[in-house]
Amino acid sequence: MQAKAKKLIFIAVLITGCIITSLISSNDKAKILPVSSLPQSAQSAVTSKAAQVKTVRVQVSGAVLEPGIYNVPASCRVEEAIAAAGGLTENADSERVNLVRKVRDGMQIRVPVQKAARTSRTQRKNAQATAGYSASSTKKVGSTRAGTEKNNSAVQSVRINSASAGELQQLPGIGPALAQRIVETRNSGRFTSADDLLRVPGIGKAKLAKLRNYVEVD
């Protein structure tokens, strides 16, 4: 009787083991089941999910061939976004851009130009500004000279041997102090020619050249 009971227990354990082994085998097969063996509806769902690649919207500007706004894969890098914009221009300064940085939605990628190119452009603008300033200055100087000549032409000749200090101040470039020196120099010896004005301290050849046409020796 005991032998029969042991036999039945052995058979029961054997059957249980077979069932467990069968279940484990079935589960493994389910895990590695290829897509092609799935029903048509399941295959379509898997394919559709794989086709939906997430994208982000970025703006690429600066030294690129085609600046603009682009939709790129969310997993791409800055260099790929620049490639989508046509690539870098010849004067692009790629050293100042982190090309391996991952992009994110709403990101602006600006590629700067090389320092030499920026300097050249700045120099060109400065040259244009300088040219405009020079033209304006020349025009202003011309107007000033014309006004000076007009004022000088209105000065009447002054008799340097008899004119008072006030009258001498009508001469171009002669102020109160210099007019008084002319009077003092004249008192020590009359002027016989315009060149005698060189005896006056403060009057040199340049100033004499400006006075020569406006003085008379009496």
N, C-alpha and C. Protein backbone atom coordinates (compact mmCIF):
# COMPACT_ATOMS: atom_id res chain seq x y z
N MET A 1 0.85 -1.20 0.00
CA MET A 1 0.00 0.00 0.00
C MET A 1 0.88 1.24 0.00
N GLN A 2 1.90 1.27 0.84
CA GLN A 2 2.81 2.41 0.92
C GLN A 2 3.58 2.57 -0.39
N ALA A 3 3.96 1.49 -1.02
CA ALA A 3 4.68 1.56 -2.30
C ALA A 3 3.82 2.18 -3.37
N LYS A 4 2.54 1.85 -3.36
CA LYS A 4 1.61 2.40 -4.35
C LYS A 4 1.44 3.89 -4.12
N ALA A 5 1.38 4.33 -2.86
CA ALA A 5 1.23 5.75 -2.55
C ALA A 5 2.46 6.53 -3.01
N LYS A 6 3.65 5.97 -2.78
CA LYS A 6 4.87 6.62 -3.22
C LYS A 6 4.92 6.77 -4.73
N LYS A 7 4.41 5.77 -5.42
CA LYS A 7 4.42 5.79 -6.89
C LYS A 7 3.52 6.89 -7.39
N LEU A 8 2.35 7.00 -6.75
CA LEU A 8 1.40 8.05 -7.16
C LEU A 8 1.99 9.44 -6.92
N ILE A 9 2.68 9.60 -5.79
CA ILE A 9 3.30 10.91 -5.49
C ILE A 9 4.37 11.24 -6.52
N PHE A 10 5.16 10.27 -6.90
CA PHE A 10 6.22 10.48 -7.89
C PHE A 10 5.63 10.92 -9.23
N ILE A 11 4.52 10.25 -9.60
CA ILE A 11 3.86 10.58 -10.89
C ILE A 11 3.30 12.00 -10.83
N ALA A 12 2.73 12.35 -9.69
CA ALA A 12 2.15 13.70 -9.56
C ALA A 12 3.24 14.76 -9.66
N VAL A 13 4.37 14.53 -8.99
CA VAL A 13 5.50 15.49 -9.06
C VAL A 13 6.01 15.61 -10.48
N LEU A 14 6.12 14.49 -11.19
CA LEU A 14 6.61 14.49 -12.57
C LEU A 14 5.71 15.29 -13.47
N ILE A 15 4.39 15.07 -13.30
CA ILE A 15 3.41 15.80 -14.15
C ILE A 15 3.50 17.31 -13.86
N THR A 16 3.61 17.65 -12.56
CA THR A 16 3.71 19.08 -12.19
C THR A 16 4.95 19.72 -12.81
N GLY A 17 6.06 19.01 -12.81
CA GLY A 17 7.28 19.53 -13.40
C GLY A 17 7.14 19.76 -14.89
N CYS A 18 6.47 18.81 -15.54
CA CYS A 18 6.27 18.96 -16.99
C CYS A 18 5.42 20.18 -17.30
N ILE A 19 4.38 20.38 -16.48
CA ILE A 19 3.49 21.54 -16.71
C ILE A 19 4.27 22.86 -16.53
N ILE A 20 5.08 22.95 -15.47
CA ILE A 20 5.86 24.17 -15.22
C ILE A 20 6.85 24.44 -16.35
N THR A 21 7.52 23.36 -16.79
CA THR A 21 8.49 23.51 -17.91
C THR A 21 7.80 24.00 -19.16
N SER A 22 6.60 23.50 -19.44
CA SER A 22 5.84 23.89 -20.62
C SER A 22 5.45 25.35 -20.57
N LEU A 23 5.04 25.80 -19.37
CA LEU A 23 4.64 27.21 -19.21
C LEU A 23 5.83 28.15 -19.42
N ILE A 24 6.98 27.80 -18.86
CA ILE A 24 8.18 28.64 -19.02
C ILE A 24 8.59 28.72 -20.47
N SER A 25 8.54 27.61 -21.16
CA SER A 25 8.91 27.57 -22.59
C SER A 25 7.98 28.44 -23.40
N SER A 26 6.70 28.40 -23.10
CA SER A 26 5.71 29.19 -23.84
C SER A 26 5.95 30.69 -23.61
N ASN A 27 6.28 31.05 -22.37
CA ASN A 27 6.53 32.48 -22.04
C ASN A 27 7.73 33.02 -22.79
N ASP A 28 8.81 32.22 -22.87
CA ASP A 28 10.02 32.64 -23.60
C ASP A 28 9.72 32.83 -25.07
N LYS A 29 8.91 31.93 -25.64
CA LYS A 29 8.57 32.04 -27.05
C LYS A 29 7.78 33.30 -27.32
N ALA A 30 6.92 33.63 -26.34
CA ALA A 30 6.12 34.83 -26.52
C ALA A 30 7.01 36.08 -26.51
N LYS A 31 8.09 36.05 -25.70
CA LYS A 31 8.96 37.21 -25.60
C LYS A 31 9.75 37.44 -26.88
N ILE A 32 10.16 36.40 -27.54
CA ILE A 32 11.01 36.56 -28.73
C ILE A 32 10.20 36.38 -30.01
N LEU A 33 8.91 36.46 -29.89
CA LEU A 33 8.06 36.27 -31.05
C LEU A 33 8.30 37.39 -32.05
N PRO A 34 8.70 37.13 -33.26
CA PRO A 34 8.99 38.17 -34.25
C PRO A 34 7.71 38.89 -34.68
N VAL A 35 7.92 40.13 -35.16
CA VAL A 35 6.79 40.94 -35.59
C VAL A 35 6.06 40.28 -36.75
N SER A 36 6.80 39.62 -37.62
CA SER A 36 6.18 39.00 -38.79
C SER A 36 5.19 37.91 -38.42
N SER A 37 5.34 37.32 -37.22
CA SER A 37 4.44 36.25 -36.81
C SER A 37 3.20 36.78 -36.11
N LEU A 38 3.15 38.12 -35.87
CA LEU A 38 1.99 38.71 -35.22
C LEU A 38 0.85 38.86 -36.22
N PRO A 39 -0.36 39.01 -35.73
CA PRO A 39 -1.48 39.28 -36.63
C PRO A 39 -1.29 40.59 -37.37
N GLN A 40 -1.98 40.77 -38.49
CA GLN A 40 -1.81 41.94 -39.35
C GLN A 40 -2.08 43.23 -38.59
N SER A 41 -3.11 43.27 -37.75
CA SER A 41 -3.46 44.48 -37.01
C SER A 41 -2.36 44.85 -36.02
N ALA A 42 -1.76 43.83 -35.38
CA ALA A 42 -0.69 44.07 -34.43
C ALA A 42 0.56 44.58 -35.15
N GLN A 43 0.85 44.00 -36.33
CA GLN A 43 1.99 44.45 -37.12
C GLN A 43 1.85 45.93 -37.50
N SER A 44 0.67 46.35 -37.89
CA SER A 44 0.42 47.74 -38.29
C SER A 44 0.64 48.68 -37.13
N ALA A 45 0.19 48.27 -35.93
CA ALA A 45 0.35 49.11 -34.75
C ALA A 45 1.82 49.30 -34.42
N VAL A 46 2.61 48.22 -34.48
CA VAL A 46 4.04 48.30 -34.19
C VAL A 46 4.75 49.18 -35.20
N THR A 47 4.43 48.99 -36.48
CA THR A 47 5.05 49.77 -37.55
C THR A 47 4.72 51.24 -37.43
N SER A 48 3.45 51.58 -37.11
CA SER A 48 3.01 52.96 -36.97
C SER A 48 3.73 53.64 -35.81
N LYS A 49 3.90 52.93 -34.70
CA LYS A 49 4.57 53.48 -33.54
C LYS A 49 6.04 53.76 -33.83
N ALA A 50 6.67 52.85 -34.56
CA ALA A 50 8.09 53.03 -34.90
C ALA A 50 8.28 54.20 -35.87
N ALA A 51 7.26 54.45 -36.71
CA ALA A 51 7.37 55.52 -37.72
C ALA A 51 7.20 56.90 -37.11
N GLN A 52 6.55 56.95 -35.94
CA GLN A 52 6.32 58.25 -35.30
C GLN A 52 7.57 58.68 -34.55
N VAL A 53 8.44 59.44 -35.23
CA VAL A 53 9.68 59.94 -34.62
C VAL A 53 9.41 61.33 -34.07
N LYS A 54 9.74 61.58 -32.83
CA LYS A 54 9.49 62.87 -32.21
C LYS A 54 10.44 63.93 -32.78
N THR A 55 9.88 65.09 -33.14
CA THR A 55 10.69 66.19 -33.69
C THR A 55 10.54 67.43 -32.81
N VAL A 56 11.50 68.33 -32.95
CA VAL A 56 11.46 69.62 -32.26
C VAL A 56 11.66 70.72 -33.29
N ARG A 57 11.26 71.94 -32.93
CA ARG A 57 11.34 73.08 -33.84
C ARG A 57 12.44 74.02 -33.36
N VAL A 58 13.40 74.28 -34.23
CA VAL A 58 14.53 75.14 -33.87
C VAL A 58 14.73 76.21 -34.93
N GLN A 59 15.39 77.30 -34.52
CA GLN A 59 15.73 78.38 -35.45
C GLN A 59 17.24 78.42 -35.64
N VAL A 60 17.68 78.41 -36.89
CA VAL A 60 19.10 78.45 -37.21
C VAL A 60 19.38 79.76 -37.94
N SER A 61 20.30 80.56 -37.41
CA SER A 61 20.59 81.87 -37.99
C SER A 61 22.08 82.14 -37.97
N GLY A 62 22.45 83.29 -38.50
CA GLY A 62 23.87 83.66 -38.52
C GLY A 62 24.56 83.20 -39.79
N ALA A 63 25.80 82.72 -39.64
CA ALA A 63 26.63 82.35 -40.79
C ALA A 63 26.31 80.95 -41.31
N VAL A 64 25.05 80.79 -41.79
CA VAL A 64 24.65 79.54 -42.45
C VAL A 64 24.08 79.91 -43.81
N LEU A 65 24.04 78.93 -44.70
CA LEU A 65 23.62 79.21 -46.08
C LEU A 65 22.13 79.51 -46.19
N GLU A 66 21.30 78.83 -45.38
CA GLU A 66 19.86 79.01 -45.48
C GLU A 66 19.26 79.19 -44.09
N PRO A 67 19.39 80.38 -43.49
CA PRO A 67 18.83 80.61 -42.15
C PRO A 67 17.31 80.41 -42.18
N GLY A 68 16.78 79.91 -41.08
CA GLY A 68 15.34 79.71 -41.02
C GLY A 68 14.94 78.84 -39.84
N ILE A 69 13.67 78.41 -39.84
CA ILE A 69 13.12 77.57 -38.79
C ILE A 69 12.94 76.16 -39.36
N TYR A 70 13.42 75.17 -38.61
CA TYR A 70 13.43 73.79 -39.10
C TYR A 70 12.89 72.83 -38.03
N ASN A 71 12.23 71.76 -38.53
CA ASN A 71 11.82 70.65 -37.68
C ASN A 71 12.88 69.56 -37.80
N VAL A 72 13.49 69.21 -36.69
CA VAL A 72 14.56 68.21 -36.68
C VAL A 72 14.25 67.16 -35.63
N PRO A 73 14.82 65.97 -35.76
CA PRO A 73 14.60 64.94 -34.74
C PRO A 73 15.05 65.41 -33.36
N ALA A 74 14.28 65.03 -32.35
CA ALA A 74 14.56 65.48 -30.99
C ALA A 74 15.92 64.99 -30.50
N SER A 75 16.42 63.92 -31.08
CA SER A 75 17.68 63.34 -30.62
C SER A 75 18.90 63.88 -31.36
N CYS A 76 18.70 64.82 -32.29
CA CYS A 76 19.83 65.27 -33.11
C CYS A 76 20.68 66.30 -32.37
N ARG A 77 21.84 66.59 -32.95
CA ARG A 77 22.80 67.54 -32.38
C ARG A 77 22.77 68.85 -33.17
N VAL A 78 23.47 69.83 -32.62
CA VAL A 78 23.51 71.14 -33.26
C VAL A 78 24.07 71.06 -34.68
N GLU A 79 25.09 70.25 -34.88
CA GLU A 79 25.70 70.14 -36.21
C GLU A 79 24.70 69.63 -37.25
N GLU A 80 23.76 68.76 -36.83
CA GLU A 80 22.76 68.25 -37.75
C GLU A 80 21.73 69.33 -38.08
N ALA A 81 21.39 70.16 -37.10
CA ALA A 81 20.48 71.27 -37.35
C ALA A 81 21.09 72.27 -38.31
N ILE A 82 22.40 72.53 -38.16
CA ILE A 82 23.10 73.43 -39.08
C ILE A 82 23.13 72.84 -40.49
N ALA A 83 23.32 71.52 -40.57
CA ALA A 83 23.31 70.86 -41.87
C ALA A 83 21.95 71.01 -42.54
N ALA A 84 20.88 70.98 -41.73
CA ALA A 84 19.54 71.16 -42.29
C ALA A 84 19.36 72.56 -42.85
N ALA A 85 20.14 73.52 -42.33
CA ALA A 85 20.08 74.90 -42.81
C ALA A 85 21.08 75.16 -43.93
N GLY A 86 21.58 74.13 -44.55
CA GLY A 86 22.47 74.27 -45.70
C GLY A 86 23.94 74.24 -45.36
N GLY A 87 24.28 74.21 -44.08
CA GLY A 87 25.68 74.17 -43.67
C GLY A 87 26.25 75.55 -43.40
N LEU A 88 27.51 75.58 -43.01
CA LEU A 88 28.19 76.83 -42.64
C LEU A 88 28.64 77.61 -43.87
N THR A 89 28.72 78.93 -43.73
CA THR A 89 29.28 79.77 -44.78
C THR A 89 30.81 79.81 -44.63
N GLU A 90 31.48 80.43 -45.59
CA GLU A 90 32.94 80.46 -45.57
C GLU A 90 33.50 81.26 -44.39
N ASN A 91 32.77 82.28 -43.96
CA ASN A 91 33.27 83.13 -42.87
C ASN A 91 32.69 82.75 -41.52
N ALA A 92 32.10 81.54 -41.42
CA ALA A 92 31.52 81.10 -40.15
C ALA A 92 32.60 80.75 -39.14
N ASP A 93 32.37 81.11 -37.89
CA ASP A 93 33.31 80.80 -36.81
C ASP A 93 32.76 79.60 -36.03
N SER A 94 33.04 78.40 -36.56
CA SER A 94 32.50 77.18 -35.96
C SER A 94 33.12 76.87 -34.61
N GLU A 95 34.28 77.48 -34.31
CA GLU A 95 34.94 77.22 -33.04
C GLU A 95 34.14 77.78 -31.86
N ARG A 96 33.25 78.71 -32.13
CA ARG A 96 32.47 79.34 -31.07
C ARG A 96 31.08 78.71 -30.93
N VAL A 97 30.88 77.59 -31.59
CA VAL A 97 29.59 76.89 -31.52
C VAL A 97 29.82 75.48 -31.01
N ASN A 98 29.02 75.03 -30.07
CA ASN A 98 29.11 73.67 -29.55
C ASN A 98 28.31 72.76 -30.49
N LEU A 99 29.00 72.15 -31.43
CA LEU A 99 28.34 71.37 -32.48
C LEU A 99 27.75 70.06 -31.96
N VAL A 100 28.24 69.55 -30.86
CA VAL A 100 27.77 68.26 -30.36
C VAL A 100 26.67 68.42 -29.31
N ARG A 101 26.24 69.63 -29.06
CA ARG A 101 25.18 69.85 -28.09
C ARG A 101 23.84 69.35 -28.64
N LYS A 102 23.04 68.70 -27.80
CA LYS A 102 21.74 68.22 -28.22
C LYS A 102 20.76 69.39 -28.33
N VAL A 103 19.93 69.33 -29.36
CA VAL A 103 18.96 70.41 -29.56
C VAL A 103 17.76 70.20 -28.65
N ARG A 104 17.00 71.28 -28.45
CA ARG A 104 15.76 71.21 -27.69
C ARG A 104 14.71 72.07 -28.37
N ASP A 105 13.48 71.83 -28.09
CA ASP A 105 12.39 72.54 -28.74
C ASP A 105 12.47 74.04 -28.41
N GLY A 106 12.32 74.88 -29.46
CA GLY A 106 12.37 76.32 -29.27
C GLY A 106 13.76 76.89 -29.20
N MET A 107 14.76 76.09 -29.48
CA MET A 107 16.16 76.53 -29.37
C MET A 107 16.56 77.40 -30.57
N GLN A 108 17.34 78.45 -30.30
CA GLN A 108 17.91 79.26 -31.38
C GLN A 108 19.40 78.98 -31.49
N ILE A 109 19.81 78.57 -32.67
CA ILE A 109 21.21 78.26 -32.93
C ILE A 109 21.77 79.37 -33.82
N ARG A 110 22.62 80.22 -33.25
CA ARG A 110 23.20 81.32 -34.01
C ARG A 110 24.69 81.07 -34.23
N VAL A 111 25.10 81.05 -35.47
CA VAL A 111 26.51 80.81 -35.82
C VAL A 111 27.17 82.16 -36.08
N PRO A 112 28.17 82.56 -35.30
CA PRO A 112 28.82 83.87 -35.50
C PRO A 112 29.80 83.82 -36.67
N VAL A 113 30.14 84.99 -37.17
CA VAL A 113 31.13 85.08 -38.24
C VAL A 113 32.51 85.20 -37.61
N GLN A 114 33.53 84.94 -38.38
CA GLN A 114 34.90 85.00 -37.88
C GLN A 114 35.26 86.43 -37.50
N LYS A 115 36.19 86.57 -36.55
CA LYS A 115 36.58 87.88 -36.03
C LYS A 115 37.14 88.75 -37.14
N ALA A 116 37.91 88.16 -38.04
CA ALA A 116 38.50 88.94 -39.14
C ALA A 116 37.42 89.54 -40.01
N ALA A 117 36.37 88.77 -40.27
CA ALA A 117 35.28 89.28 -41.10
C ALA A 117 34.54 90.40 -40.40
N ARG A 118 34.33 90.25 -39.06
CA ARG A 118 33.66 91.29 -38.30
C ARG A 118 34.50 92.56 -38.29
N THR A 119 35.84 92.40 -38.13
CA THR A 119 36.73 93.55 -38.11
C THR A 119 36.71 94.29 -39.44
N SER A 120 36.72 93.52 -40.53
CA SER A 120 36.69 94.13 -41.85
C SER A 120 35.41 94.92 -42.06
N ARG A 121 34.30 94.35 -41.61
CA ARG A 121 33.02 95.03 -41.77
C ARG A 121 32.98 96.30 -40.93
N THR A 122 33.54 96.23 -39.70
CA THR A 122 33.57 97.40 -38.83
C THR A 122 34.46 98.49 -39.43
N GLN A 123 35.61 98.08 -39.97
CA GLN A 123 36.51 99.06 -40.59
C GLN A 123 35.85 99.73 -41.78
N ARG A 124 35.08 98.96 -42.55
CA ARG A 124 34.39 99.53 -43.70
C ARG A 124 33.37 100.58 -43.27
N LYS A 125 32.63 100.26 -42.19
CA LYS A 125 31.65 101.22 -41.68
C LYS A 125 32.34 102.46 -41.14
N ASN A 126 33.46 102.25 -40.43
CA ASN A 126 34.20 103.40 -39.89
C ASN A 126 34.75 104.28 -41.00
N ALA A 127 35.21 103.62 -42.08
CA ALA A 127 35.75 104.38 -43.20
C ALA A 127 34.66 105.23 -43.84
N GLN A 128 33.46 104.65 -43.97
CA GLN A 128 32.35 105.40 -44.55
C GLN A 128 31.97 106.57 -43.66
N ALA A 129 31.96 106.31 -42.33
CA ALA A 129 31.62 107.38 -41.40
C ALA A 129 32.66 108.49 -41.44
N THR A 130 33.94 108.09 -41.53
CA THR A 130 35.02 109.07 -41.59
C THR A 130 34.95 109.89 -42.86
N ALA A 131 34.62 109.24 -43.97
CA ALA A 131 34.49 109.95 -45.25
C ALA A 131 33.38 110.99 -45.17
N GLY A 132 32.26 110.58 -44.54
CA GLY A 132 31.15 111.52 -44.39
C GLY A 132 31.53 112.68 -43.50
N TYR A 133 32.27 112.38 -42.42
CA TYR A 133 32.69 113.44 -41.50
C TYR A 133 33.66 114.39 -42.18
N SER A 134 34.60 113.81 -42.97
CA SER A 134 35.58 114.64 -43.66
C SER A 134 34.90 115.59 -44.64
N ALA A 135 33.90 115.06 -45.36
CA ALA A 135 33.17 115.91 -46.31
C ALA A 135 32.45 117.03 -45.59
N SER A 136 31.85 116.68 -44.45
CA SER A 136 31.15 117.70 -43.66
C SER A 136 32.11 118.74 -43.11
N SER A 137 33.28 118.26 -42.63
CA SER A 137 34.28 119.17 -42.07
C SER A 137 34.83 120.09 -43.14
N THR A 138 35.09 119.53 -44.33
CA THR A 138 35.61 120.34 -45.43
C THR A 138 34.63 121.44 -45.81
N LYS A 139 33.36 121.06 -45.82
CA LYS A 139 32.33 122.03 -46.16
C LYS A 139 32.26 123.12 -45.12
N LYS A 140 32.40 122.71 -43.83
CA LYS A 140 32.34 123.66 -42.73
C LYS A 140 33.53 124.60 -42.77
N VAL A 141 34.74 124.03 -43.01
CA VAL A 141 35.95 124.85 -43.08
C VAL A 141 35.86 125.82 -44.24
N GLY A 142 35.33 125.35 -45.37
CA GLY A 142 35.17 126.23 -46.52
C GLY A 142 34.25 127.40 -46.21
N SER A 143 33.17 127.10 -45.50
CA SER A 143 32.23 128.16 -45.12
C SER A 143 32.88 129.14 -44.17
N THR A 144 33.69 128.61 -43.23
CA THR A 144 34.37 129.47 -42.26
C THR A 144 35.36 130.39 -42.95
N ARG A 145 36.12 129.79 -43.89
CA ARG A 145 37.09 130.60 -44.62
C ARG A 145 36.39 131.70 -45.42
N ALA A 146 35.28 131.32 -46.05
CA ALA A 146 34.56 132.30 -46.85
C ALA A 146 34.07 133.43 -45.95
N GLY A 147 33.58 133.06 -44.75
CA GLY A 147 33.10 134.08 -43.82
C GLY A 147 34.23 134.96 -43.34
N THR A 148 35.40 134.34 -43.09
CA THR A 148 36.55 135.11 -42.63
C THR A 148 37.01 136.09 -43.69
N GLU A 149 37.08 135.59 -44.93
CA GLU A 149 37.51 136.46 -46.01
C GLU A 149 36.53 137.60 -46.20
N LYS A 150 35.24 137.28 -46.02
CA LYS A 150 34.22 138.33 -46.18
C LYS A 150 34.38 139.38 -45.10
N ASN A 151 34.64 138.93 -43.84
CA ASN A 151 34.82 139.87 -42.74
C ASN A 151 36.08 140.71 -42.94
N ASN A 152 37.17 140.03 -43.40
CA ASN A 152 38.42 140.75 -43.62
C ASN A 152 38.29 141.81 -44.71
N SER A 153 37.47 141.48 -45.72
CA SER A 153 37.30 142.43 -46.82
C SER A 153 36.57 143.69 -46.35
N ALA A 154 35.84 143.57 -45.22
CA ALA A 154 35.10 144.73 -44.70
C ALA A 154 35.99 145.63 -43.85
N VAL A 155 37.22 145.16 -43.48
CA VAL A 155 38.14 145.96 -42.66
C VAL A 155 38.75 147.07 -43.52
N GLN A 156 38.66 148.31 -43.03
CA GLN A 156 39.25 149.44 -43.75
C GLN A 156 40.74 149.57 -43.39
N SER A 157 41.48 150.15 -44.28
CA SER A 157 42.91 150.35 -44.02
C SER A 157 43.10 151.26 -42.81
N VAL A 158 44.12 150.91 -42.02
CA VAL A 158 44.41 151.67 -40.80
C VAL A 158 45.81 152.27 -40.91
N ARG A 159 45.91 153.56 -40.58
CA ARG A 159 47.21 154.24 -40.61
C ARG A 159 47.93 153.94 -39.30
N ILE A 160 48.97 153.12 -39.40
CA ILE A 160 49.60 152.60 -38.19
C ILE A 160 50.41 153.64 -37.42
N ASN A 161 50.74 154.79 -38.06
CA ASN A 161 51.50 155.81 -37.36
C ASN A 161 50.62 156.82 -36.63
N SER A 162 49.34 156.84 -36.97
CA SER A 162 48.46 157.85 -36.35
C SER A 162 47.20 157.24 -35.73
N ALA A 163 46.92 156.00 -35.98
CA ALA A 163 45.70 155.37 -35.46
C ALA A 163 45.80 155.19 -33.95
N SER A 164 44.65 155.31 -33.31
CA SER A 164 44.61 155.08 -31.86
C SER A 164 44.63 153.57 -31.59
N ALA A 165 44.77 153.21 -30.32
CA ALA A 165 44.79 151.80 -29.96
C ALA A 165 43.47 151.13 -30.32
N GLY A 166 42.37 151.87 -30.17
CA GLY A 166 41.06 151.32 -30.53
C GLY A 166 40.95 151.06 -32.02
N GLU A 167 41.47 152.00 -32.84
CA GLU A 167 41.42 151.83 -34.28
C GLU A 167 42.31 150.68 -34.73
N LEU A 168 43.43 150.52 -34.07
CA LEU A 168 44.34 149.42 -34.42
C LEU A 168 43.70 148.05 -34.17
N GLN A 169 42.76 148.00 -33.23
CA GLN A 169 42.09 146.73 -32.93
C GLN A 169 41.15 146.28 -34.04
N GLN A 170 40.89 147.17 -35.03
CA GLN A 170 40.07 146.77 -36.18
C GLN A 170 40.85 145.85 -37.13
N LEU A 171 42.16 145.85 -36.99
CA LEU A 171 42.98 144.99 -37.84
C LEU A 171 42.79 143.53 -37.43
N PRO A 172 42.83 142.59 -38.39
CA PRO A 172 42.63 141.16 -38.07
C PRO A 172 43.73 140.64 -37.16
N GLY A 173 43.33 140.02 -36.05
CA GLY A 173 44.28 139.41 -35.13
C GLY A 173 44.91 140.37 -34.15
N ILE A 174 44.46 141.60 -34.10
CA ILE A 174 45.03 142.60 -33.18
C ILE A 174 44.03 142.84 -32.05
N GLY A 175 44.47 142.48 -30.82
CA GLY A 175 43.65 142.72 -29.64
C GLY A 175 44.14 143.92 -28.87
N PRO A 176 43.53 144.21 -27.73
CA PRO A 176 43.92 145.40 -26.93
C PRO A 176 45.39 145.40 -26.55
N ALA A 177 45.92 144.28 -26.11
CA ALA A 177 47.31 144.23 -25.67
C ALA A 177 48.26 144.49 -26.83
N LEU A 178 48.01 143.84 -27.96
CA LEU A 178 48.90 144.01 -29.10
C LEU A 178 48.78 145.40 -29.69
N ALA A 179 47.58 145.98 -29.65
CA ALA A 179 47.39 147.35 -30.15
C ALA A 179 48.21 148.32 -29.30
N GLN A 180 48.25 148.12 -27.99
CA GLN A 180 49.02 148.98 -27.11
C GLN A 180 50.52 148.84 -27.38
N ARG A 181 50.97 147.63 -27.70
CA ARG A 181 52.39 147.44 -28.02
C ARG A 181 52.76 148.18 -29.31
N ILE A 182 51.84 148.20 -30.28
CA ILE A 182 52.11 148.91 -31.54
C ILE A 182 52.29 150.40 -31.25
N VAL A 183 51.42 150.92 -30.38
CA VAL A 183 51.51 152.36 -30.03
C VAL A 183 52.84 152.64 -29.33
N GLU A 184 53.23 151.78 -28.38
CA GLU A 184 54.48 151.99 -27.65
C GLU A 184 55.69 151.89 -28.57
N THR A 185 55.65 150.90 -29.50
CA THR A 185 56.77 150.76 -30.45
C THR A 185 56.84 151.95 -31.38
N ARG A 186 55.68 152.45 -31.78
CA ARG A 186 55.62 153.62 -32.68
C ARG A 186 56.18 154.86 -31.99
N ASN A 187 55.94 154.99 -30.70
CA ASN A 187 56.42 156.16 -29.96
C ASN A 187 57.95 156.20 -29.88
N SER A 188 58.57 155.03 -29.96
CA SER A 188 60.03 155.00 -29.91
C SER A 188 60.64 155.14 -31.29
N GLY A 189 59.83 155.17 -32.30
CA GLY A 189 60.32 155.33 -33.67
C GLY A 189 59.22 155.01 -34.66
N ARG A 190 58.89 155.98 -35.52
CA ARG A 190 57.78 155.81 -36.45
C ARG A 190 58.05 154.64 -37.40
N PHE A 191 56.94 154.07 -37.91
CA PHE A 191 57.03 152.99 -38.89
C PHE A 191 57.23 153.60 -40.27
N THR A 192 58.21 153.13 -40.98
CA THR A 192 58.45 153.62 -42.34
C THR A 192 57.87 152.68 -43.39
N SER A 193 57.54 151.46 -42.98
CA SER A 193 56.90 150.49 -43.88
C SER A 193 56.16 149.46 -43.04
N ALA A 194 55.35 148.67 -43.72
CA ALA A 194 54.59 147.63 -43.00
C ALA A 194 55.53 146.62 -42.34
N ASP A 195 56.72 146.43 -42.94
CA ASP A 195 57.67 145.47 -42.37
C ASP A 195 58.16 145.89 -40.99
N ASP A 196 58.05 147.21 -40.68
CA ASP A 196 58.50 147.68 -39.37
C ASP A 196 57.63 147.13 -38.24
N LEU A 197 56.48 146.60 -38.58
CA LEU A 197 55.61 146.01 -37.55
C LEU A 197 56.28 144.79 -36.90
N LEU A 198 57.31 144.24 -37.55
CA LEU A 198 58.03 143.12 -36.96
C LEU A 198 58.78 143.53 -35.70
N ARG A 199 58.93 144.87 -35.50
CA ARG A 199 59.57 145.36 -34.28
C ARG A 199 58.66 145.20 -33.06
N VAL A 200 57.37 145.03 -33.32
CA VAL A 200 56.39 144.93 -32.23
C VAL A 200 56.43 143.52 -31.65
N PRO A 201 56.67 143.40 -30.34
CA PRO A 201 56.64 142.05 -29.72
C PRO A 201 55.27 141.39 -29.92
N GLY A 202 55.30 140.19 -30.43
CA GLY A 202 54.05 139.46 -30.67
C GLY A 202 53.63 139.43 -32.12
N ILE A 203 54.31 140.21 -32.98
CA ILE A 203 54.00 140.20 -34.41
C ILE A 203 55.15 139.53 -35.15
N GLY A 204 54.84 138.42 -35.78
CA GLY A 204 55.83 137.70 -36.56
C GLY A 204 55.50 137.79 -38.03
N LYS A 205 56.23 137.03 -38.83
CA LYS A 205 56.04 137.08 -40.28
C LYS A 205 54.64 136.61 -40.69
N ALA A 206 54.14 135.57 -40.00
CA ALA A 206 52.81 135.05 -40.35
C ALA A 206 51.74 136.09 -40.08
N LYS A 207 51.80 136.76 -38.94
CA LYS A 207 50.79 137.78 -38.61
C LYS A 207 50.95 138.99 -39.52
N LEU A 208 52.20 139.33 -39.83
CA LEU A 208 52.44 140.47 -40.73
C LEU A 208 51.82 140.22 -42.09
N ALA A 209 51.89 138.96 -42.57
CA ALA A 209 51.32 138.65 -43.87
C ALA A 209 49.80 138.90 -43.88
N LYS A 210 49.15 138.66 -42.72
CA LYS A 210 47.71 138.90 -42.63
C LYS A 210 47.38 140.40 -42.52
N LEU A 211 48.34 141.18 -41.97
CA LEU A 211 48.08 142.62 -41.74
C LEU A 211 48.48 143.48 -42.93
N ARG A 212 49.36 142.99 -43.79
CA ARG A 212 49.99 143.81 -44.81
C ARG A 212 48.96 144.53 -45.69
N ASN A 213 47.88 143.87 -46.04
CA ASN A 213 46.89 144.46 -46.95
C ASN A 213 45.95 145.44 -46.26
N TYR A 214 46.07 145.56 -44.93
CA TYR A 214 45.11 146.40 -44.20
C TYR A 214 45.78 147.55 -43.45
N VAL A 215 47.05 147.76 -43.68
CA VAL A 215 47.76 148.86 -42.99
C VAL A 215 48.29 149.86 -44.03
N GLU A 216 48.37 151.10 -43.57
CA GLU A 216 48.96 152.20 -44.37
C GLU A 216 50.02 152.91 -43.54
N VAL A 217 51.09 153.27 -44.19
CA VAL A 217 52.14 154.00 -43.48
C VAL A 217 52.00 155.46 -43.86
N ASP A 218 51.66 156.33 -42.91
CA ASP A 218 51.47 157.76 -43.19
C ASP A 218 52.64 158.60 -42.69
